[in-house]
Amino acid sequence: MTPTTNYLPTARKLGMAVAVALSLGACATYDDEFAGINSRLDQLDTRVQNAAQSAESANQSAQQANRRLDQIEGRVQQLESSPRRVPRG
């Protein structure tokens, strides 16, 4: 056996150990990336919930304004259809 043949199994084991170490290091990196993504998703979720609450509030205000318009619409039609008053003087 040549010296190169003796080192070949050791080199293979060392190569596997390096590959395993690199893949484990990559998992830690992915964990950090997932944590960052989850944080951004949480922020977006909060912003969406706030926007939904604002939209609901605006919807309620618009409905209230529509009810007020409906209330005065009858009075406006009554005034428009009433006979014109002749000015005095």
N, C-alpha and C. Protein backbone atom coordinates (compact mmCIF):
# COMPACT_ATOMS: atom_id res chain seq x y z
N MET A 1 0.84 -1.18 0.00
CA MET A 1 0.00 0.00 0.00
C MET A 1 0.88 1.24 0.00
N THR A 2 0.42 2.22 -0.73
CA THR A 2 1.17 3.47 -0.80
C THR A 2 0.69 4.39 0.32
N PRO A 3 1.47 5.39 0.68
CA PRO A 3 1.03 6.32 1.72
C PRO A 3 -0.27 7.04 1.36
N THR A 4 -0.51 7.29 0.09
CA THR A 4 -1.73 7.97 -0.33
C THR A 4 -2.94 7.09 -0.04
N THR A 5 -2.82 5.81 -0.23
CA THR A 5 -3.91 4.89 0.03
C THR A 5 -4.23 4.84 1.52
N ASN A 6 -3.23 4.98 2.38
CA ASN A 6 -3.46 4.98 3.82
C ASN A 6 -4.23 6.23 4.27
N TYR A 7 -4.00 7.36 3.62
CA TYR A 7 -4.65 8.60 4.03
C TYR A 7 -6.05 8.76 3.44
N LEU A 8 -6.38 7.98 2.46
CA LEU A 8 -7.67 8.12 1.77
C LEU A 8 -8.85 7.90 2.71
N PRO A 9 -8.89 6.85 3.53
CA PRO A 9 -10.04 6.71 4.45
C PRO A 9 -10.11 7.85 5.47
N THR A 10 -8.96 8.30 5.93
CA THR A 10 -8.95 9.41 6.87
C THR A 10 -9.46 10.69 6.21
N ALA A 11 -9.05 10.91 4.98
CA ALA A 11 -9.50 12.09 4.24
C ALA A 11 -11.01 12.03 4.03
N ARG A 12 -11.53 10.85 3.73
CA ARG A 12 -12.98 10.71 3.56
C ARG A 12 -13.72 11.04 4.84
N LYS A 13 -13.22 10.51 5.95
CA LYS A 13 -13.86 10.79 7.25
C LYS A 13 -13.81 12.27 7.58
N LEU A 14 -12.65 12.88 7.31
CA LEU A 14 -12.50 14.32 7.57
C LEU A 14 -13.45 15.12 6.67
N GLY A 15 -13.56 14.71 5.42
CA GLY A 15 -14.48 15.38 4.50
C GLY A 15 -15.92 15.27 4.96
N MET A 16 -16.31 14.10 5.44
CA MET A 16 -17.67 13.92 5.96
C MET A 16 -17.91 14.78 7.20
N ALA A 17 -16.90 14.84 8.06
CA ALA A 17 -17.04 15.65 9.27
C ALA A 17 -17.20 17.12 8.92
N VAL A 18 -16.46 17.59 7.94
CA VAL A 18 -16.58 18.98 7.50
C VAL A 18 -17.96 19.22 6.90
N ALA A 19 -18.44 18.29 6.10
CA ALA A 19 -19.76 18.43 5.48
C ALA A 19 -20.86 18.48 6.53
N VAL A 20 -20.75 17.62 7.53
CA VAL A 20 -21.76 17.61 8.61
C VAL A 20 -21.69 18.93 9.39
N ALA A 21 -20.50 19.40 9.68
CA ALA A 21 -20.36 20.66 10.43
C ALA A 21 -20.93 21.82 9.63
N LEU A 22 -20.67 21.85 8.33
CA LEU A 22 -21.22 22.93 7.50
C LEU A 22 -22.73 22.87 7.43
N SER A 23 -23.29 21.68 7.32
CA SER A 23 -24.75 21.57 7.23
C SER A 23 -25.40 21.96 8.55
N LEU A 24 -24.76 21.63 9.68
CA LEU A 24 -25.31 22.05 10.97
C LEU A 24 -25.23 23.56 11.13
N GLY A 25 -24.15 24.14 10.64
CA GLY A 25 -24.03 25.60 10.67
C GLY A 25 -25.08 26.26 9.81
N ALA A 26 -25.41 25.64 8.70
CA ALA A 26 -26.44 26.18 7.83
C ALA A 26 -27.80 26.15 8.51
N CYS A 27 -28.06 25.13 9.32
CA CYS A 27 -29.33 25.06 10.05
C CYS A 27 -29.46 26.24 10.99
N ALA A 28 -28.38 26.59 11.66
CA ALA A 28 -28.43 27.74 12.57
C ALA A 28 -28.72 29.01 11.79
N THR A 29 -28.14 29.13 10.60
CA THR A 29 -28.40 30.29 9.76
C THR A 29 -29.87 30.32 9.35
N TYR A 30 -30.41 29.17 8.97
CA TYR A 30 -31.83 29.12 8.61
C TYR A 30 -32.71 29.48 9.79
N ASP A 31 -32.33 29.05 10.98
CA ASP A 31 -33.11 29.41 12.17
C ASP A 31 -33.15 30.91 12.34
N ASP A 32 -32.02 31.58 12.14
CA ASP A 32 -31.97 33.03 12.24
C ASP A 32 -32.85 33.68 11.16
N GLU A 33 -32.77 33.13 9.95
CA GLU A 33 -33.58 33.68 8.87
C GLU A 33 -35.07 33.48 9.13
N PHE A 34 -35.43 32.29 9.62
CA PHE A 34 -36.84 32.04 9.95
C PHE A 34 -37.31 32.95 11.06
N ALA A 35 -36.46 33.21 12.04
CA ALA A 35 -36.84 34.11 13.13
C ALA A 35 -37.07 35.52 12.59
N GLY A 36 -36.22 35.96 11.68
CA GLY A 36 -36.41 37.27 11.07
C GLY A 36 -37.68 37.34 10.25
N ILE A 37 -37.94 36.29 9.49
CA ILE A 37 -39.16 36.25 8.67
C ILE A 37 -40.39 36.23 9.56
N ASN A 38 -40.36 35.43 10.63
CA ASN A 38 -41.50 35.39 11.55
C ASN A 38 -41.73 36.74 12.20
N SER A 39 -40.66 37.44 12.54
CA SER A 39 -40.80 38.77 13.13
C SER A 39 -41.46 39.72 12.14
N ARG A 40 -41.04 39.67 10.89
CA ARG A 40 -41.64 40.54 9.87
C ARG A 40 -43.11 40.18 9.64
N LEU A 41 -43.41 38.89 9.66
CA LEU A 41 -44.80 38.47 9.50
C LEU A 41 -45.66 38.94 10.67
N ASP A 42 -45.12 38.89 11.88
CA ASP A 42 -45.85 39.39 13.05
C ASP A 42 -46.12 40.89 12.91
N GLN A 43 -45.13 41.64 12.43
CA GLN A 43 -45.32 43.08 12.24
C GLN A 43 -46.39 43.34 11.19
N LEU A 44 -46.34 42.58 10.09
CA LEU A 44 -47.35 42.75 9.04
C LEU A 44 -48.74 42.39 9.55
N ASP A 45 -48.82 41.33 10.36
CA ASP A 45 -50.11 40.92 10.92
C ASP A 45 -50.68 42.03 11.79
N THR A 46 -49.84 42.65 12.60
CA THR A 46 -50.29 43.75 13.45
C THR A 46 -50.79 44.92 12.60
N ARG A 47 -50.04 45.24 11.53
CA ARG A 47 -50.46 46.34 10.66
C ARG A 47 -51.77 46.03 9.96
N VAL A 48 -51.97 44.79 9.55
CA VAL A 48 -53.21 44.40 8.89
C VAL A 48 -54.38 44.49 9.86
N GLN A 49 -54.16 44.04 11.10
CA GLN A 49 -55.22 44.13 12.11
C GLN A 49 -55.59 45.58 12.38
N ASN A 50 -54.58 46.46 12.48
CA ASN A 50 -54.85 47.88 12.70
C ASN A 50 -55.61 48.48 11.53
N ALA A 51 -55.23 48.09 10.31
CA ALA A 51 -55.92 48.59 9.13
C ALA A 51 -57.37 48.10 9.10
N ALA A 52 -57.58 46.85 9.51
CA ALA A 52 -58.94 46.31 9.54
C ALA A 52 -59.80 47.06 10.56
N GLN A 53 -59.21 47.39 11.71
CA GLN A 53 -59.95 48.15 12.72
C GLN A 53 -60.28 49.54 12.21
N SER A 54 -59.32 50.17 11.53
CA SER A 54 -59.57 51.50 10.97
C SER A 54 -60.67 51.44 9.90
N ALA A 55 -60.63 50.41 9.08
CA ALA A 55 -61.65 50.27 8.05
C ALA A 55 -63.03 50.05 8.68
N GLU A 56 -63.08 49.26 9.73
CA GLU A 56 -64.35 49.02 10.41
C GLU A 56 -64.89 50.32 11.02
N SER A 57 -64.00 51.10 11.61
CA SER A 57 -64.41 52.38 12.19
C SER A 57 -64.93 53.33 11.10
N ALA A 58 -64.23 53.38 9.98
CA ALA A 58 -64.67 54.23 8.87
C ALA A 58 -66.01 53.75 8.32
N ASN A 59 -66.20 52.45 8.26
CA ASN A 59 -67.47 51.89 7.79
C ASN A 59 -68.61 52.29 8.72
N GLN A 60 -68.39 52.20 10.01
CA GLN A 60 -69.42 52.59 10.97
C GLN A 60 -69.75 54.08 10.84
N SER A 61 -68.72 54.91 10.67
CA SER A 61 -68.96 56.35 10.49
C SER A 61 -69.76 56.62 9.22
N ALA A 62 -69.44 55.92 8.15
CA ALA A 62 -70.17 56.10 6.90
C ALA A 62 -71.62 55.65 7.04
N GLN A 63 -71.85 54.55 7.74
CA GLN A 63 -73.22 54.09 7.96
C GLN A 63 -74.01 55.10 8.78
N GLN A 64 -73.36 55.67 9.79
CA GLN A 64 -74.04 56.69 10.61
C GLN A 64 -74.37 57.92 9.76
N ALA A 65 -73.44 58.33 8.90
CA ALA A 65 -73.70 59.48 8.03
C ALA A 65 -74.84 59.18 7.07
N ASN A 66 -74.88 57.95 6.54
CA ASN A 66 -75.98 57.57 5.64
C ASN A 66 -77.32 57.58 6.36
N ARG A 67 -77.35 57.14 7.61
CA ARG A 67 -78.61 57.19 8.38
C ARG A 67 -79.06 58.63 8.57
N ARG A 68 -78.13 59.52 8.86
CA ARG A 68 -78.49 60.93 9.04
C ARG A 68 -79.02 61.52 7.74
N LEU A 69 -78.38 61.17 6.61
CA LEU A 69 -78.87 61.65 5.32
C LEU A 69 -80.27 61.12 5.03
N ASP A 70 -80.50 59.85 5.35
CA ASP A 70 -81.83 59.28 5.15
C ASP A 70 -82.87 60.00 5.99
N GLN A 71 -82.50 60.40 7.20
CA GLN A 71 -83.43 61.10 8.09
C GLN A 71 -83.82 62.47 7.53
N ILE A 72 -82.85 63.18 6.95
CA ILE A 72 -83.18 64.53 6.46
C ILE A 72 -83.71 64.53 5.03
N GLU A 73 -83.56 63.40 4.33
CA GLU A 73 -84.02 63.35 2.94
C GLU A 73 -85.53 63.58 2.85
N GLY A 74 -86.29 62.98 3.74
CA GLY A 74 -87.74 63.18 3.73
C GLY A 74 -88.11 64.63 3.95
N ARG A 75 -87.43 65.27 4.85
CA ARG A 75 -87.72 66.69 5.14
C ARG A 75 -87.37 67.56 3.93
N VAL A 76 -86.28 67.28 3.26
CA VAL A 76 -85.88 68.04 2.07
C VAL A 76 -86.92 67.87 0.97
N GLN A 77 -87.36 66.63 0.76
CA GLN A 77 -88.38 66.39 -0.28
C GLN A 77 -89.68 67.11 0.06
N GLN A 78 -90.03 67.14 1.32
CA GLN A 78 -91.25 67.82 1.74
C GLN A 78 -91.13 69.32 1.47
N LEU A 79 -89.99 69.89 1.78
CA LEU A 79 -89.80 71.32 1.53
C LEU A 79 -89.78 71.64 0.05
N GLU A 80 -89.20 70.77 -0.75
CA GLU A 80 -89.15 71.00 -2.19
C GLU A 80 -90.52 70.87 -2.84
N SER A 81 -91.35 70.01 -2.30
CA SER A 81 -92.66 69.80 -2.92
C SER A 81 -93.74 70.73 -2.37
N SER A 82 -93.47 71.44 -1.30
CA SER A 82 -94.46 72.35 -0.74
C SER A 82 -94.64 73.57 -1.66
N PRO A 83 -95.86 74.17 -1.65
CA PRO A 83 -96.07 75.33 -2.51
C PRO A 83 -95.18 76.49 -2.06
N ARG A 84 -94.80 77.26 -3.06
CA ARG A 84 -93.92 78.39 -2.80
C ARG A 84 -94.68 79.46 -2.03
N ARG A 85 -94.00 80.03 -1.09
CA ARG A 85 -94.63 81.11 -0.30
C ARG A 85 -94.38 82.44 -1.01
N VAL A 86 -95.38 83.23 -1.02
CA VAL A 86 -95.27 84.54 -1.65
C VAL A 86 -94.67 85.49 -0.63
N PRO A 87 -93.64 86.21 -1.01
CA PRO A 87 -93.04 87.14 -0.06
C PRO A 87 -93.99 88.28 0.27
N ARG A 88 -93.91 88.77 1.49
CA ARG A 88 -94.74 89.90 1.90
C ARG A 88 -94.09 91.20 1.44
N GLY A 89 -94.96 92.14 1.19
CA GLY A 89 -94.42 93.45 1.00
C GLY A 89 -94.64 94.04 -0.26
